[in-house]
């Protein structure tokens, strides 16, 4: 299990001025890799996450409880295939495209439980909850069914709280220390999916 990319983003208009309804909608969902296996530069991590990363809406992203968004690299093949099929365009998403700060390999939603700790390099983190996608995710991927596909697939990723700060580089090994193991990220995802299906809360 290892960290293969660290990404950050700046708050920008999500749809651009050409979009008639959402000109003022801002987001930092478009992340760019700052440290990866080809260029494993050190990146500073503080209690609010990757230094320099921004969030447009702190009520749903960022802060101490959602400082780092983690996403498994194994899911990128799913998204590239889905987007190519649904948009009829070739898709080759780069790490950070899902909006994640940490792209990792070897650890999935079924393996991770709320309250688990992750030791990544010399730093320490605690698993808080799954990511709940919204309409901005649809816009970022250019596909109106992206949020629903994320929950239906179970490929949601999860948020971390930072317990020990410092510098971190891509290539760092990851060790999972089990917590109470009461509810997994996958189980949280299933609960959220059922709730949205029952109330038809799809954006």
N, C-alpha and C. Protein backbone atom coordinates (compact mmCIF):
# COMPACT_ATOMS: atom_id res chain seq x y z
N UNK A 1 0.86 -1.19 0.00
CA UNK A 1 0.00 0.00 0.00
C UNK A 1 0.89 1.23 0.00
N UNK A 2 0.61 2.14 -0.94
CA UNK A 2 1.43 3.34 -0.99
C UNK A 2 0.69 4.54 -1.56
N UNK A 3 1.25 5.70 -1.31
CA UNK A 3 0.76 6.97 -1.82
C UNK A 3 1.41 7.20 -3.18
N UNK A 4 0.62 7.40 -4.22
CA UNK A 4 1.22 7.56 -5.54
C UNK A 4 1.08 8.97 -6.11
N UNK A 5 0.24 9.82 -5.49
CA UNK A 5 0.16 11.21 -5.94
C UNK A 5 -0.43 12.08 -4.84
N UNK A 6 0.09 13.31 -4.73
CA UNK A 6 -0.47 14.34 -3.86
C UNK A 6 -0.90 15.49 -4.76
N UNK A 7 -2.15 15.92 -4.63
CA UNK A 7 -2.70 16.95 -5.52
C UNK A 7 -3.34 18.08 -4.74
N UNK A 8 -3.38 19.25 -5.37
CA UNK A 8 -4.06 20.40 -4.77
C UNK A 8 -4.69 21.22 -5.88
N UNK A 9 -5.57 22.15 -5.48
CA UNK A 9 -6.27 22.96 -6.46
C UNK A 9 -6.62 24.32 -5.92
N UNK A 10 -6.91 25.25 -6.82
CA UNK A 10 -7.33 26.60 -6.47
C UNK A 10 -8.81 26.78 -6.79
N UNK A 11 -9.47 27.64 -6.06
CA UNK A 11 -10.88 27.93 -6.32
C UNK A 11 -11.01 28.72 -7.62
N UNK A 12 -11.81 28.18 -8.54
CA UNK A 12 -12.03 28.79 -9.84
C UNK A 12 -13.51 28.64 -10.22
N UNK A 13 -14.02 29.46 -11.15
CA UNK A 13 -15.37 29.22 -11.66
C UNK A 13 -15.45 27.83 -12.27
N UNK A 14 -16.44 27.07 -11.86
CA UNK A 14 -16.49 25.67 -12.27
C UNK A 14 -16.94 25.51 -13.72
N UNK A 15 -17.95 26.27 -14.13
CA UNK A 15 -18.51 26.08 -15.45
C UNK A 15 -17.98 27.09 -16.47
N UNK A 16 -17.44 28.20 -15.98
CA UNK A 16 -16.97 29.23 -16.90
C UNK A 16 -18.11 30.13 -17.33
N UNK A 17 -17.78 31.23 -17.92
CA UNK A 17 -18.77 32.23 -18.29
C UNK A 17 -19.70 31.78 -19.41
N UNK A 18 -19.35 30.71 -20.10
CA UNK A 18 -20.20 30.24 -21.19
C UNK A 18 -21.44 29.52 -20.68
N UNK A 19 -21.44 29.14 -19.40
CA UNK A 19 -22.58 28.40 -18.86
C UNK A 19 -23.63 29.38 -18.37
N UNK A 20 -24.88 29.29 -18.86
CA UNK A 20 -25.89 30.31 -18.54
C UNK A 20 -26.41 30.29 -17.11
N UNK A 21 -26.32 29.14 -16.44
CA UNK A 21 -26.97 29.02 -15.14
C UNK A 21 -26.02 29.04 -13.96
N UNK A 22 -24.77 28.73 -14.17
CA UNK A 22 -23.86 28.55 -13.05
C UNK A 22 -22.60 29.40 -13.17
N UNK A 23 -22.75 30.61 -13.68
CA UNK A 23 -21.57 31.46 -13.87
C UNK A 23 -20.84 31.74 -12.57
N UNK A 24 -21.59 31.81 -11.47
CA UNK A 24 -20.97 32.20 -10.20
C UNK A 24 -20.58 31.00 -9.33
N UNK A 25 -20.79 29.78 -9.81
CA UNK A 25 -20.45 28.60 -9.02
C UNK A 25 -18.94 28.41 -9.03
N UNK A 26 -18.36 28.36 -7.84
CA UNK A 26 -16.91 28.21 -7.72
C UNK A 26 -16.58 26.86 -7.10
N UNK A 27 -15.43 26.34 -7.45
CA UNK A 27 -15.01 25.05 -6.91
C UNK A 27 -13.49 24.91 -7.08
N UNK A 28 -12.90 24.08 -6.21
CA UNK A 28 -11.49 23.73 -6.36
C UNK A 28 -11.37 22.23 -6.62
N UNK A 29 -12.40 21.66 -7.25
CA UNK A 29 -12.43 20.22 -7.48
C UNK A 29 -11.35 19.79 -8.49
N UNK A 30 -10.95 20.70 -9.36
CA UNK A 30 -9.91 20.36 -10.34
C UNK A 30 -8.54 20.42 -9.67
N UNK A 31 -8.05 19.28 -9.26
CA UNK A 31 -6.75 19.20 -8.59
C UNK A 31 -5.66 18.80 -9.58
N UNK A 32 -4.45 19.29 -9.34
CA UNK A 32 -3.29 18.93 -10.13
C UNK A 32 -2.25 18.26 -9.25
N UNK A 33 -1.61 17.24 -9.78
CA UNK A 33 -0.61 16.50 -9.01
C UNK A 33 0.61 17.37 -8.75
N UNK A 34 0.99 17.48 -7.49
CA UNK A 34 2.18 18.23 -7.09
C UNK A 34 3.36 17.30 -6.82
N UNK A 35 3.06 16.08 -6.45
CA UNK A 35 4.08 15.09 -6.13
C UNK A 35 3.57 13.74 -6.62
N UNK A 36 4.37 13.07 -7.43
CA UNK A 36 3.98 11.77 -7.97
C UNK A 36 5.22 10.89 -8.10
N UNK A 37 5.03 9.68 -8.57
CA UNK A 37 6.14 8.74 -8.61
C UNK A 37 7.23 9.18 -9.59
N UNK A 38 6.86 9.96 -10.59
CA UNK A 38 7.84 10.47 -11.54
C UNK A 38 8.58 11.70 -10.99
N UNK A 39 7.91 12.43 -10.11
CA UNK A 39 8.48 13.64 -9.51
C UNK A 39 8.06 13.71 -8.05
N UNK A 40 8.69 12.91 -7.18
CA UNK A 40 8.25 12.79 -5.78
C UNK A 40 8.74 13.90 -4.87
N UNK A 41 8.36 15.12 -5.18
CA UNK A 41 8.77 16.27 -4.36
C UNK A 41 8.02 16.27 -3.03
N UNK A 42 8.64 16.85 -2.02
CA UNK A 42 8.03 16.92 -0.70
C UNK A 42 6.95 17.99 -0.67
N UNK A 43 5.82 17.67 -0.05
CA UNK A 43 4.69 18.59 0.08
C UNK A 43 4.34 18.72 1.56
N UNK A 44 4.10 19.94 2.01
CA UNK A 44 3.76 20.17 3.41
C UNK A 44 2.29 19.85 3.67
N UNK A 45 2.06 19.13 4.77
CA UNK A 45 0.71 18.77 5.21
C UNK A 45 0.50 19.35 6.60
N UNK A 46 -0.53 20.18 6.77
CA UNK A 46 -0.86 20.68 8.10
C UNK A 46 -2.23 20.16 8.52
N UNK A 47 -2.76 20.68 9.61
CA UNK A 47 -4.03 20.14 10.13
C UNK A 47 -5.22 20.44 9.23
N UNK A 48 -5.05 21.36 8.29
CA UNK A 48 -6.12 21.67 7.33
C UNK A 48 -5.89 21.00 5.99
N UNK A 49 -4.85 20.18 5.89
CA UNK A 49 -4.63 19.40 4.67
C UNK A 49 -3.36 19.79 3.94
N UNK A 50 -3.41 19.67 2.61
CA UNK A 50 -2.27 20.01 1.77
C UNK A 50 -2.10 21.52 1.76
N UNK A 51 -0.92 22.00 2.14
CA UNK A 51 -0.67 23.44 2.16
C UNK A 51 -0.81 24.00 0.74
N UNK A 52 -1.65 25.03 0.60
CA UNK A 52 -1.90 25.63 -0.71
C UNK A 52 -3.17 25.14 -1.37
N UNK A 53 -3.74 24.04 -0.88
CA UNK A 53 -5.01 23.56 -1.44
C UNK A 53 -6.14 24.44 -0.95
N UNK A 54 -7.15 24.64 -1.81
CA UNK A 54 -8.27 25.50 -1.46
C UNK A 54 -9.59 24.75 -1.58
N UNK A 55 -10.62 25.26 -0.88
CA UNK A 55 -11.97 24.75 -0.98
C UNK A 55 -12.92 25.92 -1.12
N UNK A 56 -13.92 25.77 -1.99
CA UNK A 56 -14.86 26.87 -2.22
C UNK A 56 -15.96 26.90 -1.17
N UNK A 57 -16.39 25.75 -0.69
CA UNK A 57 -17.51 25.67 0.25
C UNK A 57 -17.06 24.85 1.46
N UNK A 58 -16.65 25.56 2.51
CA UNK A 58 -16.10 24.89 3.69
C UNK A 58 -17.17 24.16 4.51
N UNK A 59 -18.43 24.34 4.15
CA UNK A 59 -19.48 23.60 4.87
C UNK A 59 -19.51 22.13 4.45
N UNK A 60 -18.96 21.82 3.29
CA UNK A 60 -19.00 20.44 2.81
C UNK A 60 -17.63 19.87 2.45
N UNK A 61 -16.62 20.74 2.35
CA UNK A 61 -15.27 20.27 2.02
C UNK A 61 -14.27 20.98 2.91
N UNK A 62 -13.17 20.30 3.19
CA UNK A 62 -12.10 20.94 3.93
C UNK A 62 -12.36 21.03 5.42
N UNK A 63 -11.55 21.82 6.10
CA UNK A 63 -11.64 21.90 7.55
C UNK A 63 -10.90 20.74 8.18
N UNK A 64 -10.85 20.73 9.48
CA UNK A 64 -10.09 19.70 10.19
C UNK A 64 -10.66 18.31 9.97
N UNK A 65 -12.00 18.19 9.89
CA UNK A 65 -12.61 16.87 9.77
C UNK A 65 -12.56 16.30 8.34
N UNK A 66 -12.32 17.15 7.36
CA UNK A 66 -12.23 16.70 5.96
C UNK A 66 -10.98 17.30 5.32
N UNK A 67 -9.88 17.20 6.05
CA UNK A 67 -8.66 17.87 5.63
C UNK A 67 -8.06 17.28 4.36
N UNK A 68 -8.16 15.96 4.22
CA UNK A 68 -7.56 15.26 3.09
C UNK A 68 -8.61 14.34 2.47
N UNK A 69 -8.76 14.44 1.16
CA UNK A 69 -9.64 13.50 0.45
C UNK A 69 -8.76 12.47 -0.25
N UNK A 70 -9.03 11.20 0.05
CA UNK A 70 -8.23 10.08 -0.46
C UNK A 70 -9.03 9.31 -1.52
N UNK A 71 -8.36 8.92 -2.60
CA UNK A 71 -9.04 8.15 -3.62
C UNK A 71 -8.14 7.04 -4.15
N UNK A 72 -8.67 5.81 -4.25
CA UNK A 72 -7.88 4.69 -4.76
C UNK A 72 -7.63 4.79 -6.26
N UNK A 73 -6.40 4.62 -6.66
CA UNK A 73 -6.05 4.68 -8.09
C UNK A 73 -6.71 3.57 -8.88
N UNK A 74 -7.04 2.48 -8.21
CA UNK A 74 -7.67 1.34 -8.88
C UNK A 74 -8.98 1.70 -9.56
N UNK A 75 -9.64 2.77 -9.10
CA UNK A 75 -10.94 3.15 -9.66
C UNK A 75 -10.85 3.97 -10.94
N UNK A 76 -9.67 4.43 -11.28
CA UNK A 76 -9.56 5.29 -12.47
C UNK A 76 -9.94 4.57 -13.75
N UNK A 77 -9.68 3.28 -13.84
CA UNK A 77 -10.07 2.52 -15.03
C UNK A 77 -11.59 2.54 -15.20
N UNK A 78 -12.32 2.43 -14.09
CA UNK A 78 -13.78 2.49 -14.12
C UNK A 78 -14.26 3.81 -14.70
N UNK A 79 -13.68 4.91 -14.23
CA UNK A 79 -14.13 6.23 -14.68
C UNK A 79 -13.78 6.47 -16.14
N UNK A 80 -12.60 6.07 -16.55
CA UNK A 80 -12.22 6.27 -17.95
C UNK A 80 -13.13 5.48 -18.89
N UNK A 81 -13.46 4.26 -18.49
CA UNK A 81 -14.35 3.43 -19.31
C UNK A 81 -15.76 4.02 -19.35
N UNK A 82 -16.26 4.43 -18.18
CA UNK A 82 -17.61 5.00 -18.09
C UNK A 82 -17.73 6.28 -18.91
N UNK A 83 -16.77 7.18 -18.76
CA UNK A 83 -16.84 8.46 -19.46
C UNK A 83 -16.69 8.27 -20.97
N UNK A 84 -15.84 7.34 -21.39
CA UNK A 84 -15.70 7.08 -22.82
C UNK A 84 -17.01 6.56 -23.40
N UNK A 85 -17.69 5.71 -22.64
CA UNK A 85 -18.95 5.14 -23.11
C UNK A 85 -20.07 6.16 -23.12
N UNK A 86 -20.18 6.96 -22.06
CA UNK A 86 -21.32 7.86 -21.92
C UNK A 86 -21.15 9.17 -22.67
N UNK A 87 -19.94 9.64 -22.81
CA UNK A 87 -19.72 10.92 -23.49
C UNK A 87 -19.25 10.74 -24.93
N UNK A 88 -18.95 9.49 -25.31
CA UNK A 88 -18.48 9.17 -26.67
C UNK A 88 -17.15 9.87 -26.98
N UNK A 89 -16.38 10.14 -25.93
CA UNK A 89 -15.07 10.76 -26.09
C UNK A 89 -14.03 9.93 -25.35
N UNK A 90 -12.81 9.92 -25.88
CA UNK A 90 -11.73 9.22 -25.18
C UNK A 90 -11.47 9.88 -23.84
N UNK A 91 -11.29 9.08 -22.80
CA UNK A 91 -11.05 9.60 -21.45
C UNK A 91 -9.76 9.02 -20.90
N UNK A 92 -8.91 9.91 -20.44
CA UNK A 92 -7.66 9.50 -19.77
C UNK A 92 -7.41 10.46 -18.62
N UNK A 93 -8.18 10.25 -17.55
CA UNK A 93 -8.11 11.15 -16.40
C UNK A 93 -6.74 11.06 -15.72
N UNK A 94 -6.25 12.21 -15.29
CA UNK A 94 -5.00 12.25 -14.54
C UNK A 94 -5.32 12.26 -13.05
N UNK A 95 -4.37 11.78 -12.24
CA UNK A 95 -4.58 11.76 -10.80
C UNK A 95 -4.90 13.17 -10.29
N UNK A 96 -5.92 13.25 -9.45
CA UNK A 96 -6.44 14.52 -8.96
C UNK A 96 -7.74 14.90 -9.62
N UNK A 97 -8.08 14.22 -10.73
CA UNK A 97 -9.29 14.56 -11.50
C UNK A 97 -10.58 14.28 -10.74
N UNK A 98 -10.55 13.36 -9.78
CA UNK A 98 -11.75 13.06 -8.99
C UNK A 98 -11.91 14.08 -7.87
N UNK A 99 -10.92 14.95 -7.71
CA UNK A 99 -10.96 15.96 -6.66
C UNK A 99 -10.15 15.57 -5.44
N UNK A 100 -9.43 14.46 -5.54
CA UNK A 100 -8.71 13.95 -4.37
C UNK A 100 -7.38 14.66 -4.14
N UNK A 101 -6.97 14.68 -2.88
CA UNK A 101 -5.65 15.16 -2.49
C UNK A 101 -4.61 14.05 -2.53
N UNK A 102 -4.98 12.88 -2.03
CA UNK A 102 -4.09 11.72 -2.03
C UNK A 102 -4.65 10.65 -2.96
N UNK A 103 -3.88 10.25 -3.95
CA UNK A 103 -4.22 9.08 -4.75
C UNK A 103 -3.36 7.94 -4.25
N UNK A 104 -4.00 6.83 -3.90
CA UNK A 104 -3.27 5.73 -3.27
C UNK A 104 -3.50 4.43 -4.04
N UNK A 105 -2.72 3.42 -3.72
CA UNK A 105 -2.96 2.09 -4.29
C UNK A 105 -2.86 1.05 -3.19
N UNK A 106 -3.68 0.01 -3.33
CA UNK A 106 -3.63 -1.12 -2.41
C UNK A 106 -4.61 -1.07 -1.26
N UNK A 107 -5.49 -0.06 -1.24
CA UNK A 107 -6.45 0.08 -0.14
C UNK A 107 -7.75 0.61 -0.72
N UNK A 108 -8.86 -0.14 -0.47
CA UNK A 108 -10.16 0.21 -1.04
C UNK A 108 -11.18 0.51 0.06
N UNK A 109 -12.36 0.96 -0.36
CA UNK A 109 -13.42 1.32 0.58
C UNK A 109 -13.86 0.15 1.46
N UNK A 110 -13.77 -1.05 0.94
CA UNK A 110 -14.15 -2.23 1.72
C UNK A 110 -13.13 -2.55 2.80
N UNK A 111 -11.91 -2.02 2.67
CA UNK A 111 -10.83 -2.30 3.62
C UNK A 111 -10.77 -1.30 4.75
N UNK A 112 -11.39 -0.13 4.55
CA UNK A 112 -11.20 1.01 5.45
C UNK A 112 -12.46 1.28 6.26
N UNK A 113 -12.29 1.47 7.56
CA UNK A 113 -13.40 1.74 8.47
C UNK A 113 -13.23 3.09 9.14
N UNK A 114 -14.37 3.71 9.47
CA UNK A 114 -14.33 4.96 10.22
C UNK A 114 -13.59 4.72 11.54
N UNK A 115 -12.64 5.57 11.83
CA UNK A 115 -11.86 5.43 13.06
C UNK A 115 -10.55 4.71 12.87
N UNK A 116 -10.34 4.09 11.72
CA UNK A 116 -9.03 3.51 11.43
C UNK A 116 -7.99 4.63 11.34
N UNK A 117 -6.74 4.29 11.59
CA UNK A 117 -5.66 5.24 11.39
C UNK A 117 -4.79 4.79 10.22
N UNK A 118 -4.32 5.75 9.45
CA UNK A 118 -3.39 5.48 8.37
C UNK A 118 -2.07 6.16 8.68
N UNK A 119 -1.02 5.40 8.67
CA UNK A 119 0.33 5.95 8.78
C UNK A 119 0.88 6.04 7.37
N UNK A 120 1.14 7.24 6.91
CA UNK A 120 1.64 7.46 5.56
C UNK A 120 2.98 8.17 5.69
N UNK A 121 4.04 7.49 5.32
CA UNK A 121 5.36 8.02 5.60
C UNK A 121 5.52 8.22 7.09
N UNK A 122 5.91 9.43 7.49
CA UNK A 122 6.07 9.74 8.91
C UNK A 122 4.83 10.39 9.51
N UNK A 123 3.80 10.58 8.70
CA UNK A 123 2.61 11.30 9.16
C UNK A 123 1.50 10.34 9.57
N UNK A 124 0.55 10.86 10.35
CA UNK A 124 -0.55 10.03 10.86
C UNK A 124 -1.88 10.70 10.56
N UNK A 125 -2.85 9.87 10.20
CA UNK A 125 -4.17 10.34 9.82
C UNK A 125 -5.24 9.43 10.41
N UNK A 126 -6.47 9.96 10.54
CA UNK A 126 -7.60 9.19 11.01
C UNK A 126 -8.72 9.25 9.98
N UNK A 127 -9.34 8.10 9.70
CA UNK A 127 -10.43 8.02 8.72
C UNK A 127 -11.70 8.60 9.34
N UNK A 128 -12.32 9.55 8.64
CA UNK A 128 -13.50 10.24 9.16
C UNK A 128 -14.79 9.74 8.53
N UNK A 129 -14.88 9.79 7.21
CA UNK A 129 -16.13 9.41 6.53
C UNK A 129 -15.90 9.33 5.03
N UNK A 130 -16.93 8.84 4.32
CA UNK A 130 -16.87 8.78 2.86
C UNK A 130 -17.07 10.16 2.27
N UNK A 131 -16.76 10.29 0.97
CA UNK A 131 -17.05 11.52 0.24
C UNK A 131 -18.46 11.40 -0.35
N UNK A 132 -19.27 12.44 -0.17
CA UNK A 132 -20.61 12.48 -0.74
C UNK A 132 -20.59 13.39 -1.96
N UNK A 133 -20.71 12.84 -3.15
CA UNK A 133 -20.59 13.66 -4.37
C UNK A 133 -21.83 14.53 -4.60
N UNK A 134 -21.61 15.68 -5.26
CA UNK A 134 -22.71 16.59 -5.57
C UNK A 134 -22.66 16.97 -7.05
N UNK A 135 -23.47 17.94 -7.44
CA UNK A 135 -23.57 18.33 -8.84
C UNK A 135 -22.24 18.85 -9.39
N UNK A 136 -21.37 19.37 -8.51
CA UNK A 136 -20.08 19.87 -8.98
C UNK A 136 -19.21 18.74 -9.53
N UNK A 137 -19.39 17.55 -8.98
CA UNK A 137 -18.64 16.40 -9.50
C UNK A 137 -19.12 16.07 -10.90
N UNK A 138 -20.43 16.13 -11.12
CA UNK A 138 -20.97 15.92 -12.47
C UNK A 138 -20.34 16.91 -13.45
N UNK A 139 -20.28 18.17 -13.04
CA UNK A 139 -19.75 19.21 -13.92
C UNK A 139 -18.26 19.00 -14.18
N UNK A 140 -17.53 18.62 -13.15
CA UNK A 140 -16.09 18.45 -13.30
C UNK A 140 -15.75 17.35 -14.30
N UNK A 141 -16.56 16.28 -14.31
CA UNK A 141 -16.30 15.17 -15.22
C UNK A 141 -17.04 15.31 -16.55
N UNK A 142 -17.91 16.31 -16.64
CA UNK A 142 -18.64 16.52 -17.88
C UNK A 142 -19.67 15.44 -18.16
N UNK A 143 -20.21 14.86 -17.09
CA UNK A 143 -21.20 13.78 -17.23
C UNK A 143 -22.21 13.90 -16.09
N UNK A 144 -23.49 14.10 -16.44
CA UNK A 144 -24.51 14.37 -15.43
C UNK A 144 -24.81 13.20 -14.52
N UNK A 145 -24.37 12.00 -14.88
CA UNK A 145 -24.61 10.84 -14.03
C UNK A 145 -23.43 10.45 -13.15
N UNK A 146 -22.41 11.32 -13.06
CA UNK A 146 -21.19 10.95 -12.35
C UNK A 146 -21.42 10.72 -10.85
N UNK A 147 -22.18 11.61 -10.20
CA UNK A 147 -22.42 11.46 -8.76
C UNK A 147 -23.15 10.16 -8.45
N UNK A 148 -24.16 9.87 -9.26
CA UNK A 148 -24.92 8.63 -9.05
C UNK A 148 -24.02 7.42 -9.30
N UNK A 149 -23.18 7.50 -10.33
CA UNK A 149 -22.27 6.39 -10.63
C UNK A 149 -21.28 6.16 -9.51
N UNK A 150 -20.83 7.24 -8.86
CA UNK A 150 -19.89 7.10 -7.75
C UNK A 150 -20.51 6.29 -6.61
N UNK A 151 -21.75 6.62 -6.26
CA UNK A 151 -22.39 5.91 -5.16
C UNK A 151 -22.80 4.49 -5.56
N UNK A 152 -23.30 4.32 -6.76
CA UNK A 152 -23.71 2.99 -7.20
C UNK A 152 -22.53 2.03 -7.30
N UNK A 153 -21.38 2.56 -7.69
CA UNK A 153 -20.18 1.72 -7.80
C UNK A 153 -19.54 1.46 -6.44
N UNK A 154 -19.79 2.35 -5.49
CA UNK A 154 -19.12 2.25 -4.20
C UNK A 154 -17.73 2.86 -4.21
N UNK A 155 -17.38 3.52 -5.31
CA UNK A 155 -16.04 4.08 -5.47
C UNK A 155 -16.02 5.54 -5.02
N UNK A 156 -16.22 5.75 -3.73
CA UNK A 156 -16.42 7.10 -3.19
C UNK A 156 -15.16 7.75 -2.66
N UNK A 157 -14.20 6.95 -2.23
CA UNK A 157 -13.07 7.51 -1.51
C UNK A 157 -13.48 7.94 -0.11
N UNK A 158 -12.56 8.55 0.62
CA UNK A 158 -12.88 8.92 2.01
C UNK A 158 -12.03 10.11 2.46
N UNK A 159 -12.50 10.74 3.56
CA UNK A 159 -11.82 11.89 4.14
C UNK A 159 -10.97 11.46 5.33
N UNK A 160 -9.87 12.20 5.51
CA UNK A 160 -8.97 11.97 6.63
C UNK A 160 -8.84 13.23 7.49
N UNK A 161 -8.69 13.02 8.78
CA UNK A 161 -8.24 14.06 9.71
C UNK A 161 -6.73 13.88 9.89
N UNK A 162 -6.01 15.00 9.93
CA UNK A 162 -4.55 14.93 10.09
C UNK A 162 -4.20 14.91 11.57
N UNK A 163 -3.53 13.86 12.00
CA UNK A 163 -3.13 13.73 13.39
C UNK A 163 -1.69 14.18 13.63
N UNK A 164 -0.83 13.93 12.65
CA UNK A 164 0.57 14.34 12.75
C UNK A 164 0.96 15.03 11.45
N UNK A 165 1.39 16.28 11.54
CA UNK A 165 1.72 17.08 10.36
C UNK A 165 3.18 16.91 9.97
N UNK A 166 3.52 17.46 8.80
CA UNK A 166 4.90 17.41 8.33
C UNK A 166 4.94 17.36 6.82
N UNK A 167 6.05 16.94 6.27
CA UNK A 167 6.20 16.85 4.82
C UNK A 167 6.00 15.41 4.36
N UNK A 168 5.51 15.29 3.13
CA UNK A 168 5.16 13.98 2.59
C UNK A 168 5.44 13.98 1.10
N UNK A 169 5.88 12.84 0.59
CA UNK A 169 6.18 12.70 -0.83
C UNK A 169 5.47 11.49 -1.40
N UNK A 170 5.16 11.55 -2.68
CA UNK A 170 4.63 10.37 -3.36
C UNK A 170 5.63 9.23 -3.25
N UNK A 171 5.10 8.02 -3.15
CA UNK A 171 5.93 6.84 -2.97
C UNK A 171 5.98 6.37 -1.53
N UNK A 172 5.47 7.21 -0.59
CA UNK A 172 5.47 6.85 0.82
C UNK A 172 4.59 5.61 1.04
N UNK A 173 5.03 4.75 1.92
CA UNK A 173 4.25 3.55 2.23
C UNK A 173 3.10 3.89 3.17
N UNK A 174 2.06 3.08 3.12
CA UNK A 174 0.87 3.27 3.95
C UNK A 174 0.68 2.05 4.84
N UNK A 175 0.47 2.30 6.12
CA UNK A 175 0.14 1.25 7.08
C UNK A 175 -1.21 1.55 7.70
N UNK A 176 -2.10 0.57 7.71
CA UNK A 176 -3.42 0.74 8.31
C UNK A 176 -3.42 0.17 9.72
N UNK A 177 -3.86 0.99 10.69
CA UNK A 177 -4.02 0.55 12.07
C UNK A 177 -5.52 0.52 12.36
N UNK A 178 -6.09 -0.66 12.56
CA UNK A 178 -7.55 -0.77 12.74
C UNK A 178 -8.05 -0.01 13.96
N UNK A 179 -9.22 0.63 13.82
CA UNK A 179 -9.89 1.27 14.92
C UNK A 179 -10.99 0.36 15.44
N UNK A 180 -12.13 0.92 15.87
CA UNK A 180 -13.24 0.09 16.40
C UNK A 180 -13.84 -0.85 15.35
N UNK A 181 -13.71 -0.51 14.08
CA UNK A 181 -14.21 -1.33 12.97
C UNK A 181 -15.71 -1.53 13.01
N UNK A 182 -16.44 -0.49 13.35
CA UNK A 182 -17.90 -0.60 13.43
C UNK A 182 -18.58 -0.43 12.07
N UNK A 183 -18.08 0.50 11.27
CA UNK A 183 -18.69 0.72 9.96
C UNK A 183 -17.61 1.06 8.93
N UNK A 184 -17.66 0.36 7.83
CA UNK A 184 -16.68 0.59 6.78
C UNK A 184 -17.12 1.75 5.88
N UNK A 185 -16.21 2.26 5.09
CA UNK A 185 -16.57 3.28 4.11
C UNK A 185 -17.55 2.70 3.11
N UNK A 186 -17.37 1.44 2.73
CA UNK A 186 -18.29 0.78 1.80
C UNK A 186 -19.70 0.70 2.38
N UNK A 187 -19.81 0.41 3.68
CA UNK A 187 -21.12 0.34 4.33
C UNK A 187 -21.76 1.72 4.41
N UNK A 188 -20.97 2.74 4.70
CA UNK A 188 -21.49 4.11 4.69
C UNK A 188 -22.03 4.46 3.32
N UNK A 189 -21.31 4.06 2.29
CA UNK A 189 -21.71 4.34 0.92
C UNK A 189 -23.06 3.69 0.61
N UNK A 190 -23.22 2.45 1.03
CA UNK A 190 -24.48 1.73 0.78
C UNK A 190 -25.65 2.41 1.48
N UNK A 191 -25.43 2.88 2.70
CA UNK A 191 -26.48 3.58 3.45
C UNK A 191 -26.88 4.87 2.74
N UNK A 192 -25.89 5.63 2.29
CA UNK A 192 -26.18 6.88 1.58
C UNK A 192 -26.89 6.61 0.26
N UNK A 193 -26.47 5.60 -0.45
CA UNK A 193 -27.12 5.25 -1.72
C UNK A 193 -28.58 4.90 -1.50
N UNK A 194 -28.88 4.10 -0.48
CA UNK A 194 -30.26 3.73 -0.18
C UNK A 194 -31.09 4.96 0.17
N UNK A 195 -30.52 5.89 0.94
CA UNK A 195 -31.25 7.08 1.34
C UNK A 195 -31.57 7.96 0.13
N UNK A 196 -30.60 8.12 -0.76
CA UNK A 196 -30.84 8.95 -1.95
C UNK A 196 -31.84 8.28 -2.89
N UNK A 197 -31.78 6.97 -3.00
CA UNK A 197 -32.74 6.26 -3.86
C UNK A 197 -34.16 6.40 -3.32
N UNK A 198 -34.31 6.27 -2.01
CA UNK A 198 -35.63 6.35 -1.38
C UNK A 198 -36.25 7.74 -1.54
N UNK A 199 -35.43 8.77 -1.42
CA UNK A 199 -35.93 10.14 -1.47
C UNK A 199 -35.72 10.78 -2.84
N UNK A 200 -35.13 10.00 -3.75
CA UNK A 200 -34.86 10.49 -5.12
C UNK A 200 -34.05 11.79 -5.06
N UNK A 201 -32.99 11.77 -4.26
CA UNK A 201 -32.17 12.97 -4.05
C UNK A 201 -31.00 13.03 -5.01
N UNK A 202 -31.26 12.84 -6.27
CA UNK A 202 -30.18 12.90 -7.26
C UNK A 202 -30.18 14.26 -7.94
N UNK A 203 -28.99 14.84 -8.01
CA UNK A 203 -28.86 16.18 -8.59
C UNK A 203 -28.42 16.08 -10.05
